[in-house]
Amino acid sequence: MNTLTVKIPPQLEQDIVRASQREHLSKSELVRRALVAYVNQRNAAAPTLSALEQAGDLVGCFGGGPPDLSSNPRHLDDFGRV
């Protein structure tokens, strides 16, 4: 088995010690199980979609407006003012 060294804050160390005692597991086994659960959960989750993938049907649906809206700072002159 490989060894991995990680630095953790003291409070997390205390939480791990308490959980390992409660579960009757070594700290290493507790952390291993937690990492396996995390990795499995991430792998099972739906893939992350980009903003373009999430709103792709909206891209290009707006007609009109200034052609330099995204590049001309003058369009932000009143931004944030009430």
PDB file of N, CA and C in Angstrom:
ATOM      1  N   MET A   1       0.845  -1.169   0.000  1.00  0.00           N
ATOM      2  CA  MET A   1       0.000   0.000   0.000  1.00  0.00           C
ATOM      3  C   MET A   1       0.895   1.237   0.000  1.00  0.00           C
ATOM      4  N   ASN A   2       0.469   2.260  -0.735  1.00  0.00           N
ATOM      5  CA  ASN A   2       1.223   3.514  -0.807  1.00  0.00           C
ATOM      6  C   ASN A   2       0.936   4.389   0.401  1.00  0.00           C
ATOM      7  N   THR A   3       1.836   5.325   0.631  1.00  0.00           N
ATOM      8  CA  THR A   3       1.683   6.272   1.732  1.00  0.00           C
ATOM      9  C   THR A   3       1.479   7.663   1.160  1.00  0.00           C
ATOM     10  N   LEU A   4       0.530   8.388   1.745  1.00  0.00           N
ATOM     11  CA  LEU A   4       0.253   9.768   1.359  1.00  0.00           C
ATOM     12  C   LEU A   4       0.313  10.608   2.620  1.00  0.00           C
ATOM     13  N   THR A   5       1.057  11.692   2.575  1.00  0.00           N
ATOM     14  CA  THR A   5       1.161  12.585   3.729  1.00  0.00           C
ATOM     15  C   THR A   5       0.375  13.848   3.436  1.00  0.00           C
ATOM     16  N   VAL A   6      -0.507  14.221   4.354  1.00  0.00           N
ATOM     17  CA  VAL A   6      -1.287  15.446   4.204  1.00  0.00           C
ATOM     18  C   VAL A   6      -1.218  16.251   5.487  1.00  0.00           C
ATOM     19  N   LYS A   7      -1.260  17.553   5.341  1.00  0.00           N
ATOM     20  CA  LYS A   7      -1.285  18.432   6.504  1.00  0.00           C
ATOM     21  C   LYS A   7      -2.738  18.825   6.750  1.00  0.00           C
ATOM     22  N   ILE A   8      -3.175  18.688   8.003  1.00  0.00           N
ATOM     23  CA  ILE A   8      -4.547  19.023   8.354  1.00  0.00           C
ATOM     24  C   ILE A   8      -4.537  19.908   9.597  1.00  0.00           C
ATOM     25  N   PRO A   9      -5.564  20.729   9.737  1.00  0.00           N
ATOM     26  CA  PRO A   9      -5.631  21.585  10.917  1.00  0.00           C
ATOM     27  C   PRO A   9      -5.908  20.749  12.172  1.00  0.00           C
ATOM     28  N   PRO A  10      -5.511  21.260  13.331  1.00  0.00           N
ATOM     29  CA  PRO A  10      -5.684  20.518  14.589  1.00  0.00           C
ATOM     30  C   PRO A  10      -7.125  20.078  14.857  1.00  0.00           C
ATOM     31  N   GLN A  11      -8.087  20.920  14.539  1.00  0.00           N
ATOM     32  CA  GLN A  11      -9.489  20.565  14.788  1.00  0.00           C
ATOM     33  C   GLN A  11      -9.900  19.345  13.963  1.00  0.00           C
ATOM     34  N   LEU A  12      -9.447  19.282  12.720  1.00  0.00           N
ATOM     35  CA  LEU A  12      -9.767  18.125  11.890  1.00  0.00           C
ATOM     36  C   LEU A  12      -9.115  16.871  12.449  1.00  0.00           C
ATOM     37  N   GLU A  13      -7.905  16.987  12.949  1.00  0.00           N
ATOM     38  CA  GLU A  13      -7.216  15.860  13.592  1.00  0.00           C
ATOM     39  C   GLU A  13      -8.043  15.336  14.763  1.00  0.00           C
ATOM     40  N   GLN A  14      -8.531  16.253  15.579  1.00  0.00           N
ATOM     41  CA  GLN A  14      -9.353  15.847  16.723  1.00  0.00           C
ATOM     42  C   GLN A  14     -10.642  15.169  16.262  1.00  0.00           C
ATOM     43  N   ASP A  15     -11.260  15.699  15.229  1.00  0.00           N
ATOM     44  CA  ASP A  15     -12.483  15.094  14.699  1.00  0.00           C
ATOM     45  C   ASP A  15     -12.214  13.685  14.169  1.00  0.00           C
ATOM     46  N   ILE A  16     -11.090  13.514  13.505  1.00  0.00           N
ATOM     47  CA  ILE A  16     -10.725  12.200  12.963  1.00  0.00           C
ATOM     48  C   ILE A  16     -10.465  11.213  14.097  1.00  0.00           C
ATOM     49  N   VAL A  17      -9.763  11.665  15.126  1.00  0.00           N
ATOM     50  CA  VAL A  17      -9.492  10.790  16.283  1.00  0.00           C
ATOM     51  C   VAL A  17     -10.805  10.342  16.917  1.00  0.00           C
ATOM     52  N   ARG A  18     -11.710  11.282  17.142  1.00  0.00           N
ATOM     53  CA  ARG A  18     -12.999  10.932  17.763  1.00  0.00           C
ATOM     54  C   ARG A  18     -13.793   9.972  16.880  1.00  0.00           C
ATOM     55  N   ALA A  19     -13.835  10.253  15.580  1.00  0.00           N
ATOM     56  CA  ALA A  19     -14.585   9.388  14.662  1.00  0.00           C
ATOM     57  C   ALA A  19     -13.956   7.999  14.584  1.00  0.00           C
ATOM     58  N   SER A  20     -12.638   7.925  14.576  1.00  0.00           N
ATOM     59  CA  SER A  20     -11.982   6.616  14.499  1.00  0.00           C
ATOM     60  C   SER A  20     -12.243   5.808  15.772  1.00  0.00           C
ATOM     61  N   GLN A  21     -12.292   6.459  16.915  1.00  0.00           N
ATOM     62  CA  GLN A  21     -12.602   5.769  18.165  1.00  0.00           C
ATOM     63  C   GLN A  21     -14.061   5.298  18.173  1.00  0.00           C
ATOM     64  N   ARG A  22     -14.934   6.163  17.708  1.00  0.00           N
ATOM     65  CA  ARG A  22     -16.355   5.827  17.668  1.00  0.00           C
ATOM     66  C   ARG A  22     -16.631   4.648  16.733  1.00  0.00           C
ATOM     67  N   GLU A  23     -15.935   4.629  15.598  1.00  0.00           N
ATOM     68  CA  GLU A  23     -16.140   3.584  14.590  1.00  0.00           C
ATOM     69  C   GLU A  23     -15.258   2.355  14.823  1.00  0.00           C
ATOM     70  N   HIS A  24     -14.363   2.429  15.803  1.00  0.00           N
ATOM     71  CA  HIS A  24     -13.419   1.340  16.081  1.00  0.00           C
ATOM     72  C   HIS A  24     -12.558   1.024  14.849  1.00  0.00           C
ATOM     73  N   LEU A  25     -12.049   2.095  14.245  1.00  0.00           N
ATOM     74  CA  LEU A  25     -11.173   1.991  13.071  1.00  0.00           C
ATOM     75  C   LEU A  25      -9.909   2.793  13.345  1.00  0.00           C
ATOM     76  N   SER A  26      -8.848   2.424  12.651  1.00  0.00           N
ATOM     77  CA  SER A  26      -7.655   3.262  12.732  1.00  0.00           C
ATOM     78  C   SER A  26      -7.934   4.566  11.979  1.00  0.00           C
ATOM     79  N   LYS A  27      -7.153   5.591  12.285  1.00  0.00           N
ATOM     80  CA  LYS A  27      -7.318   6.854  11.572  1.00  0.00           C
ATOM     81  C   LYS A  27      -7.088   6.652  10.081  1.00  0.00           C
ATOM     82  N   SER A  28      -6.090   5.829   9.741  1.00  0.00           N
ATOM     83  CA  SER A  28      -5.795   5.582   8.329  1.00  0.00           C
ATOM     84  C   SER A  28      -6.980   4.936   7.620  1.00  0.00           C
ATOM     85  N   GLU A  29      -7.593   3.949   8.259  1.00  0.00           N
ATOM     86  CA  GLU A  29      -8.733   3.266   7.630  1.00  0.00           C
ATOM     87  C   GLU A  29      -9.918   4.210   7.493  1.00  0.00           C
ATOM     88  N   LEU A  30     -10.161   5.024   8.497  1.00  0.00           N
ATOM     89  CA  LEU A  30     -11.246   5.988   8.434  1.00  0.00           C
ATOM     90  C   LEU A  30     -11.049   6.964   7.274  1.00  0.00           C
ATOM     91  N   VAL A  31      -9.840   7.496   7.150  1.00  0.00           N
ATOM     92  CA  VAL A  31      -9.554   8.456   6.079  1.00  0.00           C
ATOM     93  C   VAL A  31      -9.614   7.768   4.717  1.00  0.00           C
ATOM     94  N   ARG A  32      -9.111   6.528   4.624  1.00  0.00           N
ATOM     95  CA  ARG A  32      -9.200   5.766   3.372  1.00  0.00           C
ATOM     96  C   ARG A  32     -10.652   5.625   2.939  1.00  0.00           C
ATOM     97  N   ARG A  33     -11.506   5.215   3.874  1.00  0.00           N
ATOM     98  CA  ARG A  33     -12.922   5.036   3.545  1.00  0.00           C
ATOM     99  C   ARG A  33     -13.577   6.353   3.134  1.00  0.00           C
ATOM    100  N   ALA A  34     -13.205   7.416   3.815  1.00  0.00           N
ATOM    101  CA  ALA A  34     -13.764   8.727   3.462  1.00  0.00           C
ATOM    102  C   ALA A  34     -13.329   9.141   2.056  1.00  0.00           C
ATOM    103  N   LEU A  35     -12.080   8.895   1.721  1.00  0.00           N
ATOM    104  CA  LEU A  35     -11.589   9.245   0.385  1.00  0.00           C
ATOM    105  C   LEU A  35     -12.242   8.389  -0.694  1.00  0.00           C
ATOM    106  N   VAL A  36     -12.410   7.117  -0.420  1.00  0.00           N
ATOM    107  CA  VAL A  36     -13.086   6.229  -1.388  1.00  0.00           C
ATOM    108  C   VAL A  36     -14.515   6.715  -1.612  1.00  0.00           C
ATOM    109  N   ALA A  37     -15.220   7.040  -0.532  1.00  0.00           N
ATOM    110  CA  ALA A  37     -16.598   7.519  -0.659  1.00  0.00           C
ATOM    111  C   ALA A  37     -16.648   8.814  -1.463  1.00  0.00           C
ATOM    112  N   TYR A  38     -15.706   9.723  -1.215  1.00  0.00           N
ATOM    113  CA  TYR A  38     -15.665  10.997  -1.933  1.00  0.00           C
ATOM    114  C   TYR A  38     -15.418  10.768  -3.430  1.00  0.00           C
ATOM    115  N   VAL A  39     -14.425   9.948  -3.735  1.00  0.00           N
ATOM    116  CA  VAL A  39     -14.083   9.699  -5.141  1.00  0.00           C
ATOM    117  C   VAL A  39     -15.241   9.004  -5.853  1.00  0.00           C
ATOM    118  N   ASN A  40     -15.862   8.025  -5.197  1.00  0.00           N
ATOM    119  CA  ASN A  40     -16.997   7.329  -5.811  1.00  0.00           C
ATOM    120  C   ASN A  40     -18.167   8.274  -6.052  1.00  0.00           C
ATOM    121  N   GLN A  41     -18.408   9.160  -5.102  1.00  0.00           N
ATOM    122  CA  GLN A  41     -19.492  10.125  -5.244  1.00  0.00           C
ATOM    123  C   GLN A  41     -19.217  11.071  -6.410  1.00  0.00           C
ATOM    124  N   ARG A  42     -17.986  11.538  -6.516  1.00  0.00           N
ATOM    125  CA  ARG A  42     -17.628  12.452  -7.619  1.00  0.00           C
ATOM    126  C   ARG A  42     -17.730  11.755  -8.971  1.00  0.00           C
ATOM    127  N   ASN A  43     -17.331  10.487  -9.012  1.00  0.00           N
ATOM    128  CA  ASN A  43     -17.394   9.737 -10.275  1.00  0.00           C
ATOM    129  C   ASN A  43     -18.829   9.450 -10.683  1.00  0.00           C
ATOM    130  N   ALA A  44     -19.717   9.274  -9.703  1.00  0.00           N
ATOM    131  CA  ALA A  44     -21.108   8.952  -9.996  1.00  0.00           C
ATOM    132  C   ALA A  44     -21.925  10.184 -10.347  1.00  0.00           C
ATOM    133  N   ALA A  45     -21.441  11.354  -9.957  1.00  0.00           N
ATOM    134  CA  ALA A  45     -22.174  12.592 -10.206  1.00  0.00           C
ATOM    135  C   ALA A  45     -22.211  12.883 -11.700  1.00  0.00           C
ATOM    136  N   ALA A  46     -23.214  13.633 -12.077  1.00  0.00           N
ATOM    137  CA  ALA A  46     -23.332  14.032 -13.482  1.00  0.00           C
ATOM    138  C   ALA A  46     -22.106  14.859 -13.870  1.00  0.00           C
ATOM    139  N   PRO A  47     -21.648  14.711 -15.093  1.00  0.00           N
ATOM    140  CA  PRO A  47     -20.486  15.497 -15.513  1.00  0.00           C
ATOM    141  C   PRO A  47     -20.787  16.994 -15.449  1.00  0.00           C
ATOM    142  N   THR A  48     -19.783  17.757 -15.129  1.00  0.00           N
ATOM    143  CA  THR A  48     -19.926  19.206 -15.042  1.00  0.00           C
ATOM    144  C   THR A  48     -20.069  19.789 -16.437  1.00  0.00           C
ATOM    145  N   LEU A  49     -21.087  20.599 -16.600  1.00  0.00           N
ATOM    146  CA  LEU A  49     -21.319  21.232 -17.895  1.00  0.00           C
ATOM    147  C   LEU A  49     -20.775  22.648 -17.880  1.00  0.00           C
ATOM    148  N   SER A  50     -20.236  23.062 -19.010  1.00  0.00           N
ATOM    149  CA  SER A  50     -19.753  24.436 -19.121  1.00  0.00           C
ATOM    150  C   SER A  50     -20.953  25.377 -19.229  1.00  0.00           C
ATOM    151  N   ALA A  51     -20.704  26.660 -19.062  1.00  0.00           N
ATOM    152  CA  ALA A  51     -21.766  27.653 -19.202  1.00  0.00           C
ATOM    153  C   ALA A  51     -22.360  27.597 -20.606  1.00  0.00           C
ATOM    154  N   LEU A  52     -21.521  27.369 -21.609  1.00  0.00           N
ATOM    155  CA  LEU A  52     -22.011  27.277 -22.977  1.00  0.00           C
ATOM    156  C   LEU A  52     -22.926  26.070 -23.145  1.00  0.00           C
ATOM    157  N   GLU A  53     -22.550  24.937 -22.554  1.00  0.00           N
ATOM    158  CA  GLU A  53     -23.378  23.741 -22.650  1.00  0.00           C
ATOM    159  C   GLU A  53     -24.711  23.923 -21.923  1.00  0.00           C
ATOM    160  N   GLN A  54     -24.688  24.635 -20.807  1.00  0.00           N
ATOM    161  CA  GLN A  54     -25.909  24.839 -20.032  1.00  0.00           C
ATOM    162  C   GLN A  54     -26.864  25.835 -20.693  1.00  0.00           C
ATOM    163  N   ALA A  55     -26.327  26.832 -21.368  1.00  0.00           N
ATOM    164  CA  ALA A  55     -27.161  27.875 -21.966  1.00  0.00           C
ATOM    165  C   ALA A  55     -26.940  27.969 -23.458  1.00  0.00           C
ATOM    166  N   GLY A  56     -26.520  26.875 -24.070  1.00  0.00           N
ATOM    167  CA  GLY A  56     -26.189  26.887 -25.494  1.00  0.00           C
ATOM    168  C   GLY A  56     -27.319  27.346 -26.386  1.00  0.00           C
ATOM    169  N   ASP A  57     -28.570  27.015 -26.007  1.00  0.00           N
ATOM    170  CA  ASP A  57     -29.696  27.427 -26.838  1.00  0.00           C
ATOM    171  C   ASP A  57     -29.957  28.931 -26.762  1.00  0.00           C
ATOM    172  N   LEU A  58     -29.360  29.600 -25.781  1.00  0.00           N
ATOM    173  CA  LEU A  58     -29.540  31.049 -25.650  1.00  0.00           C
ATOM    174  C   LEU A  58     -28.471  31.840 -26.396  1.00  0.00           C
ATOM    175  N   VAL A  59     -27.366  31.196 -26.719  1.00  0.00           N
ATOM    176  CA  VAL A  59     -26.273  31.886 -27.401  1.00  0.00           C
ATOM    177  C   VAL A  59     -26.739  32.324 -28.783  1.00  0.00           C
ATOM    178  N   GLY A  60     -26.625  33.601 -29.023  1.00  0.00           N
ATOM    179  CA  GLY A  60     -26.998  34.141 -30.325  1.00  0.00           C
ATOM    180  C   GLY A  60     -28.480  34.422 -30.485  1.00  0.00           C
ATOM    181  N   CYS A  61     -29.286  34.279 -29.428  1.00  0.00           N
ATOM    182  CA  CYS A  61     -30.727  34.483 -29.558  1.00  0.00           C
ATOM    183  C   CYS A  61     -31.126  35.954 -29.432  1.00  0.00           C
ATOM    184  N   PHE A  62     -30.192  36.802 -28.984  1.00  0.00           N
ATOM    185  CA  PHE A  62     -30.489  38.209 -28.792  1.00  0.00           C
ATOM    186  C   PHE A  62     -30.110  38.982 -30.039  1.00  0.00           C
ATOM    187  N   GLY A  63     -31.042  39.719 -30.580  1.00  0.00           N
ATOM    188  CA  GLY A  63     -30.759  40.536 -31.747  1.00  0.00           C
ATOM    189  C   GLY A  63     -30.685  42.001 -31.360  1.00  0.00           C
ATOM    190  N   GLY A  64     -29.876  42.751 -32.027  1.00  0.00           N
ATOM    191  CA  GLY A  64     -29.765  44.170 -31.740  1.00  0.00           C
ATOM    192  C   GLY A  64     -28.721  44.439 -30.680  1.00  0.00           C
ATOM    193  N   GLY A  65     -28.716  45.660 -30.195  1.00  0.00           N
ATOM    194  CA  GLY A  65     -27.735  46.034 -29.195  1.00  0.00           C
ATOM    195  C   GLY A  65     -26.459  46.504 -29.848  1.00  0.00           C
ATOM    196  N   PRO A  66     -25.607  47.179 -29.096  1.00  0.00           N
ATOM    197  CA  PRO A  66     -24.366  47.692 -29.671  1.00  0.00           C
ATOM    198  C   PRO A  66     -23.405  46.546 -29.994  1.00  0.00           C
ATOM    199  N   PRO A  67     -22.710  46.627 -31.105  1.00  0.00           N
ATOM    200  CA  PRO A  67     -21.799  45.548 -31.497  1.00  0.00           C
ATOM    201  C   PRO A  67     -20.555  45.459 -30.602  1.00  0.00           C
ATOM    202  N   ASP A  68     -20.272  46.517 -29.849  1.00  0.00           N
ATOM    203  CA  ASP A  68     -19.080  46.520 -28.994  1.00  0.00           C
ATOM    204  C   ASP A  68     -19.443  46.413 -27.510  1.00  0.00           C
ATOM    205  N   LEU A  69     -20.580  45.814 -27.173  1.00  0.00           N
ATOM    206  CA  LEU A  69     -21.073  45.749 -25.797  1.00  0.00           C
ATOM    207  C   LEU A  69     -20.073  45.093 -24.848  1.00  0.00           C
ATOM    208  N   SER A  70     -19.391  44.069 -25.296  1.00  0.00           N
ATOM    209  CA  SER A  70     -18.473  43.356 -24.408  1.00  0.00           C
ATOM    210  C   SER A  70     -17.086  43.979 -24.331  1.00  0.00           C
ATOM    211  N   SER A  71     -16.792  44.918 -25.195  1.00  0.00           N
ATOM    212  CA  SER A  71     -15.426  45.448 -25.230  1.00  0.00           C
ATOM    213  C   SER A  71     -15.316  46.945 -24.974  1.00  0.00           C
ATOM    214  N   ASN A  72     -16.400  47.670 -24.964  1.00  0.00           N
ATOM    215  CA  ASN A  72     -16.346  49.114 -24.805  1.00  0.00           C
ATOM    216  C   ASN A  72     -16.710  49.488 -23.365  1.00  0.00           C
ATOM    217  N   PRO A  73     -15.747  50.008 -22.570  1.00  0.00           N
ATOM    218  CA  PRO A  73     -16.018  50.352 -21.175  1.00  0.00           C
ATOM    219  C   PRO A  73     -17.059  51.456 -21.007  1.00  0.00           C
ATOM    220  N   ARG A  74     -17.324  52.216 -22.034  1.00  0.00           N
ATOM    221  CA  ARG A  74     -18.334  53.277 -21.964  1.00  0.00           C
ATOM    222  C   ARG A  74     -19.712  52.707 -21.598  1.00  0.00           C
ATOM    223  N   HIS A  75     -19.972  51.456 -21.957  1.00  0.00           N
ATOM    224  CA  HIS A  75     -21.259  50.841 -21.659  1.00  0.00           C
ATOM    225  C   HIS A  75     -21.422  50.547 -20.169  1.00  0.00           C
ATOM    226  N   LEU A  76     -20.353  50.662 -19.391  1.00  0.00           N
ATOM    227  CA  LEU A  76     -20.411  50.407 -17.954  1.00  0.00           C
ATOM    228  C   LEU A  76     -20.433  51.692 -17.126  1.00  0.00           C
ATOM    229  N   ASP A  77     -20.551  52.843 -17.779  1.00  0.00           N
ATOM    230  CA  ASP A  77     -20.506  54.128 -17.070  1.00  0.00           C
ATOM    231  C   ASP A  77     -21.519  54.200 -15.932  1.00  0.00           C
ATOM    232  N   ASP A  78     -22.732  53.725 -16.125  1.00  0.00           N
ATOM    233  CA  ASP A  78     -23.779  53.810 -15.108  1.00  0.00           C
ATOM    234  C   ASP A  78     -23.955  52.501 -14.343  1.00  0.00           C
ATOM    235  N   PHE A  79     -23.101  51.548 -14.554  1.00  0.00           N
ATOM    236  CA  PHE A  79     -23.260  50.236 -13.911  1.00  0.00           C
ATOM    237  C   PHE A  79     -23.137  50.363 -12.393  1.00  0.00           C
ATOM    238  N   GLY A  80     -24.088  49.826 -11.669  1.00  0.00           N
ATOM    239  CA  GLY A  80     -24.039  49.828 -10.220  1.00  0.00           C
ATOM    240  C   GLY A  80     -24.611  51.072  -9.562  1.00  0.00           C
ATOM    241  N   ARG A  81     -25.031  52.028 -10.347  1.00  0.00           N
ATOM    242  CA  ARG A  81     -25.623  53.257  -9.789  1.00  0.00           C
ATOM    243  C   ARG A  81     -27.125  53.074  -9.710  1.00  0.00           C
ATOM    244  N   VAL A  82     -27.688  53.593  -8.640  1.00  0.00           N
ATOM    245  CA  VAL A  82     -29.136  53.478  -8.443  1.00  0.00           C
ATOM    246  C   VAL A  82     -29.829  54.721  -8.920  1.00  0.00           C
TER     247      VAL A  82
END
